[in-house]
Amino acid sequence: MATAVGSSAGQIQKTPFVRELASSDRKARDKALESLTLFLRARRDLSLLELLKVWKGLFYCFYHSDRPLTQQALARALSYSLVPSLPRESRLRFLRAFWITIGQEFHALDRLRLDKYLFLIRCYVGVAFEVFLKGKINNKLDSKEQEGKADDEDDGNKKRKRKGDSKIAKNGKRRKQDEKQQQQQQQEEDENADEKWAELESYISLLEEGPLCPINFDGSEKPTSEDSIPMPHGPDGLRYHITDIWLDELEKVISQYLPEMEQREGKQNGEEEEEGGQKIKDYLDVPIELLLRPFEKLKTESPTKSVRLKVASEVLEDEKLVEWGFREKQVEDEDEEDEWNGLDD
């Protein structure tokens, strides 16, 4: 069975639909993408080695695609159209195969073809956020609505007159039951938090193992357990690009919830939030520490100064994190005594 699957994965590189993915004809591209999607859905048990063969064909198909509009359409098709439709069992292996292929081939990309691959990488960073975050970060919106309803009920109960000690006792008993239920609910939420972000954590670990690994080469490193295929580290050019686009792509997912946030807060469309108002942190359950973890490691462990500075300025100290409420604005020290302003008259 493994031989048959491996043979199928090898033959995919030579099939017409792989070549048609680079076609300038949209109908041909759509048909080719549908064939590729059906193939990958049917082969849930494809190994990493077999998926690398698939990606080798896709990489060179993309390599030979011309015209900017065709390249952009193909990049979106291979990412935003394909990845969300993959079976959960093989999705992470498919993403691993992508990053291995990019890491292996990045140095060989010439200047004329580099831009389209940078766009493909951007699409893959973005679609990963779509897959692993969308639909999971908006639970604070629902909980805030429930809290608001509970507060309204409490206010209404306070206005009502209570008659008899028995009613007061019953109300007190209810409060204790409610508090106990809230504690149990909080405990369940804490227990489910790890499970909720397990797939995202695996993907972040994948990036830390490969393109966002602080060290370019480690001679003592052992091959990975899965099919014994090591993840290429970096290179720095790939690290720079991921660092540049990381928060931008995250913002695209977060911004999808802004209209709902404004509606819940009773704001009118187009009205800007006042300074000191509610932050995204208050509304969305974004695992920001997990998302920033690779860059914290790069900042502390990378031997390259330019990488450390890039990570700090473009991600860890970016103003977006302050606007969203995940970081506090740093106050610059004004040391006029240490500043030389020229000779006094």
Protein backbone atom coordinates (compact mmCIF):
# COMPACT_ATOMS: atom_id res chain seq x y z
CA MET A 1 0.00 0.00 0.00
CA ALA A 2 2.83 2.40 0.94
CA THR A 3 4.52 1.66 -2.38
CA ALA A 4 1.34 2.43 -4.30
CA VAL A 5 0.84 5.71 -2.43
CA GLY A 6 4.49 6.66 -2.94
CA SER A 7 4.17 5.90 -6.63
CA SER A 8 1.07 8.11 -6.83
CA ALA A 9 2.89 10.96 -5.10
CA GLY A 10 5.81 10.63 -7.48
CA GLN A 11 3.59 10.55 -10.55
CA ILE A 12 1.73 13.71 -9.51
CA GLN A 13 4.75 15.78 -10.59
CA LYS A 14 4.23 14.57 -14.17
CA THR A 15 0.46 14.83 -14.34
CA PRO A 16 -1.12 17.46 -16.63
CA PHE A 17 -3.07 19.15 -13.83
CA VAL A 18 0.16 20.15 -12.04
CA ARG A 19 1.35 21.92 -15.20
CA GLU A 20 -2.09 23.48 -15.70
CA LEU A 21 -1.87 25.13 -12.27
CA ALA A 22 0.52 27.63 -13.88
CA SER A 23 -1.81 28.26 -16.83
CA SER A 24 -2.92 31.81 -17.58
CA ASP A 25 -6.42 30.42 -18.23
CA ARG A 26 -8.43 30.68 -15.04
CA LYS A 27 -10.74 27.79 -15.92
CA ALA A 28 -7.75 25.51 -16.47
CA ARG A 29 -6.22 26.60 -13.15
CA ASP A 30 -9.47 26.03 -11.25
CA LYS A 31 -9.87 22.58 -12.74
CA ALA A 32 -6.27 21.70 -11.92
CA LEU A 33 -6.66 22.93 -8.34
CA GLU A 34 -9.82 20.85 -7.93
CA SER A 35 -7.94 17.76 -9.14
CA LEU A 36 -5.07 18.45 -6.73
CA THR A 37 -7.47 18.99 -3.83
CA LEU A 38 -9.32 15.74 -4.55
CA PHE A 39 -6.00 13.89 -4.71
CA LEU A 40 -4.80 15.24 -1.36
CA ARG A 41 -8.18 14.66 0.31
CA ALA A 42 -8.22 11.06 -0.87
CA ARG A 43 -4.66 10.44 0.39
CA ARG A 44 -4.98 11.23 4.08
CA ASP A 45 -2.11 8.86 4.88
CA LEU A 46 0.51 10.53 2.68
CA SER A 47 3.85 10.58 4.47
CA LEU A 48 6.11 13.60 4.70
CA LEU A 49 8.40 12.14 2.05
CA GLU A 50 5.47 11.69 -0.31
CA LEU A 51 4.21 15.22 0.34
CA LEU A 52 7.70 16.55 -0.38
CA LYS A 53 7.44 14.92 -3.81
CA VAL A 54 4.11 16.68 -4.29
CA TRP A 55 5.64 20.01 -3.25
CA LYS A 56 8.60 19.53 -5.56
CA GLY A 57 6.17 19.42 -8.45
CA LEU A 58 4.19 22.40 -7.14
CA PHE A 59 7.35 24.43 -6.51
CA TYR A 60 8.60 24.13 -10.08
CA CYS A 61 5.11 24.61 -11.45
CA PHE A 62 5.08 27.93 -9.59
CA TYR A 63 8.66 28.58 -10.73
CA HIS A 64 7.61 28.54 -14.38
CA SER A 65 4.42 30.57 -13.93
CA ASP A 66 4.63 33.96 -15.60
CA ARG A 67 2.63 37.20 -15.52
CA PRO A 68 2.07 38.82 -12.10
CA LEU A 69 -1.71 38.27 -12.02
CA THR A 70 -1.31 34.57 -12.83
CA GLN A 71 1.38 34.20 -10.16
CA GLN A 72 -0.76 35.89 -7.51
CA ALA A 73 -3.82 33.82 -8.42
CA LEU A 74 -1.78 30.61 -8.23
CA ALA A 75 -0.23 31.60 -4.89
CA ARG A 76 -3.70 32.23 -3.41
CA ALA A 77 -5.03 29.00 -4.89
CA LEU A 78 -2.19 26.93 -3.40
CA SER A 79 -2.68 28.54 0.00
CA TYR A 80 -6.07 30.07 0.83
CA SER A 81 -8.04 27.70 -1.40
CA LEU A 82 -6.07 24.50 -0.80
CA VAL A 83 -4.86 24.43 2.81
CA PRO A 84 -8.24 24.92 4.60
CA SER A 85 -9.71 22.06 2.56
CA LEU A 86 -7.00 19.56 3.55
CA PRO A 87 -7.83 16.78 6.02
CA ARG A 88 -6.74 17.61 9.54
CA GLU A 89 -4.68 14.41 9.65
CA SER A 90 -2.33 15.58 6.88
CA ARG A 91 -2.52 19.39 7.15
CA LEU A 92 0.53 19.88 9.38
CA ARG A 93 2.58 17.45 7.29
CA PHE A 94 1.62 19.40 4.18
CA LEU A 95 2.72 22.67 5.83
CA ARG A 96 5.95 21.04 7.00
CA ALA A 97 6.61 19.87 3.42
CA PHE A 98 6.05 23.45 2.20
CA TRP A 99 8.54 24.98 4.67
CA ILE A 100 11.13 22.27 4.01
CA THR A 101 10.85 22.90 0.27
CA ILE A 102 11.09 26.68 0.69
CA GLY A 103 14.08 26.33 3.03
CA GLN A 104 15.88 24.03 0.61
CA GLU A 105 15.28 26.17 -2.47
CA PHE A 106 15.38 29.72 -1.07
CA HIS A 107 19.10 30.26 -1.74
CA ALA A 108 18.69 29.19 -5.37
CA LEU A 109 15.97 31.73 -6.20
CA ASP A 110 17.13 34.39 -8.63
CA ARG A 111 16.25 38.06 -8.27
CA LEU A 112 13.60 37.96 -11.01
CA ARG A 113 11.64 35.13 -9.36
CA LEU A 114 12.17 36.06 -5.72
CA ASP A 115 9.18 38.41 -5.42
CA LYS A 116 6.58 35.85 -6.43
CA TYR A 117 7.94 33.35 -3.89
CA LEU A 118 7.90 36.02 -1.19
CA PHE A 119 4.22 36.52 -2.01
CA LEU A 120 3.63 32.76 -1.80
CA ILE A 121 5.30 32.73 1.63
CA ARG A 122 3.10 35.64 2.73
CA CYS A 123 0.04 33.68 1.65
CA TYR A 124 1.16 30.65 3.67
CA VAL A 125 1.77 32.72 6.80
CA GLY A 126 -1.68 34.25 6.35
CA VAL A 127 -3.56 31.03 5.68
CA ALA A 128 -2.03 29.40 8.75
CA PHE A 129 -3.51 32.20 10.87
CA GLU A 130 -6.85 31.68 9.12
CA VAL A 131 -6.82 27.94 9.83
CA PHE A 132 -5.48 27.94 13.39
CA LEU A 133 -7.00 31.17 14.77
CA LYS A 134 -10.23 32.00 12.96
CA GLY A 135 -13.29 30.84 14.83
CA LYS A 136 -11.30 30.27 18.02
CA ILE A 137 -10.34 33.79 19.11
CA ASN A 138 -13.84 35.31 19.26
CA ASN A 139 -15.13 33.48 22.35
CA LYS A 140 -14.50 36.54 24.52
CA LEU A 141 -17.12 38.38 22.48
CA ASP A 142 -19.73 35.79 23.42
CA SER A 143 -18.65 35.71 27.06
CA LYS A 144 -18.83 39.52 27.25
CA GLU A 145 -22.37 39.42 25.89
CA GLN A 146 -23.32 36.83 28.51
CA GLU A 147 -21.68 38.93 31.23
CA GLY A 148 -23.70 41.94 30.07
CA LYS A 149 -26.93 39.96 30.26
CA ALA A 150 -25.99 38.71 33.73
CA ASP A 151 -25.27 42.28 34.88
CA ASP A 152 -28.63 43.43 33.55
CA GLU A 153 -30.36 40.64 35.42
CA ASP A 154 -28.50 41.54 38.62
CA ASP A 155 -29.50 45.19 38.25
CA GLY A 156 -33.11 44.17 37.76
CA ASN A 157 -32.99 41.91 40.78
CA LYS A 158 -31.60 44.71 42.93
CA LYS A 159 -34.55 46.94 42.03
CA ARG A 160 -37.05 44.31 43.07
CA LYS A 161 -38.11 44.19 46.70
CA ARG A 162 -37.39 40.97 48.47
CA LYS A 163 -40.07 39.69 50.82
CA GLY A 164 -39.32 37.30 53.62
CA ASP A 165 -36.15 35.78 54.99
CA SER A 166 -36.80 32.57 53.10
CA LYS A 167 -36.53 34.37 49.77
CA ILE A 168 -33.26 36.01 50.83
CA ALA A 169 -31.90 32.64 51.86
CA LYS A 170 -32.91 31.15 48.51
CA ASN A 171 -31.27 34.01 46.64
CA GLY A 172 -28.09 33.55 48.67
CA LYS A 173 -28.13 29.85 47.90
CA ARG A 174 -28.54 30.60 44.21
CA ARG A 175 -25.61 32.98 44.27
CA LYS A 176 -23.40 30.31 45.81
CA GLN A 177 -24.50 27.84 43.16
CA ASP A 178 -23.80 30.39 40.43
CA GLU A 179 -20.36 31.11 41.86
CA LYS A 180 -19.60 27.40 42.01
CA GLN A 181 -20.71 26.94 38.41
CA GLN A 182 -18.53 29.86 37.32
CA GLN A 183 -15.53 28.35 39.09
CA GLN A 184 -16.14 24.99 37.43
CA GLN A 185 -16.55 26.69 34.07
CA GLN A 186 -13.29 28.60 34.54
CA GLN A 187 -11.51 25.39 35.48
CA GLU A 188 -12.83 23.66 32.37
CA GLU A 189 -11.73 26.60 30.22
CA ASP A 190 -8.23 26.41 31.67
CA GLU A 191 -8.08 22.67 31.04
CA ASN A 192 -9.31 23.10 27.46
CA ALA A 193 -6.92 25.98 26.67
CA ASP A 194 -4.01 23.66 25.90
CA GLU A 195 -6.21 21.48 23.72
CA LYS A 196 -7.66 24.53 21.96
CA TRP A 197 -4.27 25.76 20.77
CA ALA A 198 -2.57 22.35 20.40
CA GLU A 199 -2.53 22.46 16.60
CA LEU A 200 -1.29 26.06 16.56
CA GLU A 201 1.43 25.15 19.07
CA SER A 202 2.56 22.30 16.80
CA TYR A 203 2.72 24.71 13.85
CA ILE A 204 4.68 27.31 15.83
CA SER A 205 7.11 24.57 16.93
CA LEU A 206 7.48 23.62 13.26
CA LEU A 207 8.52 27.18 12.40
CA GLU A 208 10.91 27.30 15.38
CA GLU A 209 12.47 24.10 14.11
CA GLY A 210 12.88 25.45 10.59
CA PRO A 211 12.73 28.99 9.13
CA LEU A 212 12.60 30.74 12.53
CA CYS A 213 15.29 28.63 14.19
CA PRO A 214 17.91 31.02 15.67
CA ILE A 215 20.89 28.98 14.45
CA ASN A 216 21.56 28.39 10.76
CA PHE A 217 23.43 25.11 11.19
CA ASP A 218 24.03 22.77 14.09
CA GLY A 219 26.43 19.92 13.38
CA SER A 220 25.29 17.96 16.42
CA GLU A 221 21.62 18.13 15.47
CA LYS A 222 19.89 14.81 14.90
CA PRO A 223 17.34 14.32 12.08
CA THR A 224 13.69 14.82 12.95
CA SER A 225 11.73 11.78 14.01
CA GLU A 226 9.18 12.06 11.20
CA ASP A 227 10.65 10.21 8.21
CA SER A 228 14.12 11.42 9.35
CA ILE A 229 13.90 14.50 7.11
CA PRO A 230 15.55 17.54 8.75
CA MET A 231 14.04 21.01 8.56
CA PRO A 232 16.36 23.58 6.94
CA HIS A 233 17.16 26.44 9.32
CA GLY A 234 16.54 29.95 8.06
CA PRO A 235 18.20 31.39 6.06
CA ASP A 236 18.31 34.98 7.34
CA GLY A 237 16.58 36.30 4.23
CA LEU A 238 13.61 34.07 4.97
CA ARG A 239 13.65 35.11 8.64
CA TYR A 240 13.61 38.79 7.64
CA HIS A 241 10.62 38.28 5.36
CA ILE A 242 8.56 36.32 7.90
CA THR A 243 9.39 38.97 10.51
CA ASP A 244 8.22 41.73 8.15
CA ILE A 245 4.84 40.16 7.44
CA TRP A 246 3.98 38.34 10.70
CA LEU A 247 1.90 41.03 12.43
CA ASP A 248 0.43 42.28 9.14
CA GLU A 249 -1.03 38.85 8.40
CA LEU A 250 -2.20 38.45 12.00
CA GLU A 251 -3.95 41.82 11.74
CA LYS A 252 -5.94 40.59 8.72
CA VAL A 253 -7.51 37.85 10.83
CA ILE A 254 -8.10 40.12 13.82
CA SER A 255 -9.67 42.87 11.68
CA GLN A 256 -12.42 40.48 10.59
CA TYR A 257 -13.86 40.75 14.11
CA LEU A 258 -13.69 44.56 14.38
CA PRO A 259 -17.25 45.21 13.07
CA GLU A 260 -18.63 42.74 15.62
CA MET A 261 -16.57 44.38 18.36
CA GLU A 262 -17.91 47.83 17.44
CA GLN A 263 -21.46 46.50 17.33
CA ARG A 264 -21.14 44.87 20.75
CA GLU A 265 -19.73 48.07 22.19
CA GLY A 266 -22.61 50.10 20.73
CA LYS A 267 -20.46 52.10 18.32
CA GLN A 268 -21.61 53.47 15.02
CA ASN A 269 -19.94 52.39 11.79
CA GLY A 270 -16.89 54.42 10.90
CA GLU A 271 -16.52 55.88 14.38
CA GLU A 272 -12.98 55.55 15.69
CA GLU A 273 -12.30 54.19 19.13
CA GLU A 274 -11.38 56.82 21.67
CA GLU A 275 -8.02 56.68 23.37
CA GLY A 276 -8.19 54.55 26.49
CA GLY A 277 -11.20 52.62 25.17
CA GLN A 278 -11.58 48.87 24.90
CA LYS A 279 -8.66 47.04 23.31
CA ILE A 280 -8.63 43.97 21.12
CA LYS A 281 -7.12 42.12 24.07
CA ASP A 282 -10.39 42.72 25.96
CA TYR A 283 -12.54 41.24 23.20
CA LEU A 284 -10.53 38.51 21.47
CA ASP A 285 -8.80 35.48 22.90
CA VAL A 286 -5.55 35.83 20.93
CA PRO A 287 -2.72 33.53 22.16
CA ILE A 288 -0.24 36.35 21.67
CA GLU A 289 2.55 34.88 23.80
CA LEU A 290 2.50 31.70 21.73
CA LEU A 291 2.47 33.70 18.48
CA LEU A 292 5.44 35.82 19.62
CA ARG A 293 7.43 32.92 21.08
CA PRO A 294 9.62 32.26 17.98
CA PHE A 295 10.61 35.93 17.86
CA GLU A 296 11.43 36.06 21.57
CA LYS A 297 13.78 33.13 20.94
CA LEU A 298 15.33 34.84 17.93
CA LYS A 299 15.90 37.99 19.96
CA THR A 300 17.70 36.16 22.75
CA GLU A 301 19.38 33.29 20.90
CA SER A 302 20.24 34.47 17.38
CA PRO A 303 23.99 35.02 16.90
CA THR A 304 23.26 37.60 14.18
CA LYS A 305 22.81 41.15 15.47
CA SER A 306 20.77 42.27 12.45
CA VAL A 307 18.26 39.47 13.10
CA ARG A 308 17.92 40.44 16.76
CA LEU A 309 17.37 44.10 15.87
CA LYS A 310 14.90 43.24 13.09
CA VAL A 311 12.82 41.02 15.35
CA ALA A 312 12.71 43.65 18.09
CA SER A 313 11.71 46.55 15.83
CA GLU A 314 9.30 44.77 13.47
CA VAL A 315 7.51 42.42 15.89
CA LEU A 316 8.21 42.61 19.61
CA GLU A 317 8.23 46.42 19.85
CA ASP A 318 5.74 47.10 17.07
CA GLU A 319 3.05 49.71 17.83
CA LYS A 320 0.30 47.27 16.81
CA LEU A 321 0.88 45.28 20.00
CA VAL A 322 0.38 48.47 22.02
CA GLU A 323 -2.77 49.42 20.08
CA TRP A 324 -4.21 45.95 20.60
CA GLY A 325 -3.48 46.10 24.34
CA PHE A 326 -0.93 43.27 24.50
CA ARG A 327 2.02 45.53 25.30
CA GLU A 328 2.45 48.80 27.15
CA LYS A 329 3.98 51.79 25.43
CA GLN A 330 7.60 52.24 26.37
CA VAL A 331 8.48 55.62 27.82
CA GLU A 332 11.67 56.96 26.33
CA ASP A 333 14.15 58.30 28.84
CA GLU A 334 15.01 61.91 28.15
CA ASP A 335 18.54 62.27 29.44
CA GLU A 336 19.45 65.77 28.48
CA GLU A 337 22.59 65.65 30.60
CA ASP A 338 24.06 62.88 28.46
CA GLU A 339 23.13 64.59 25.19
CA TRP A 340 25.75 66.94 23.72
CA ASN A 341 24.20 70.07 22.22
CA GLY A 342 27.39 71.80 21.16
CA LEU A 343 29.48 74.43 22.89
CA ASP A 344 27.74 77.01 25.08
CA ASP A 345 28.15 80.65 24.08
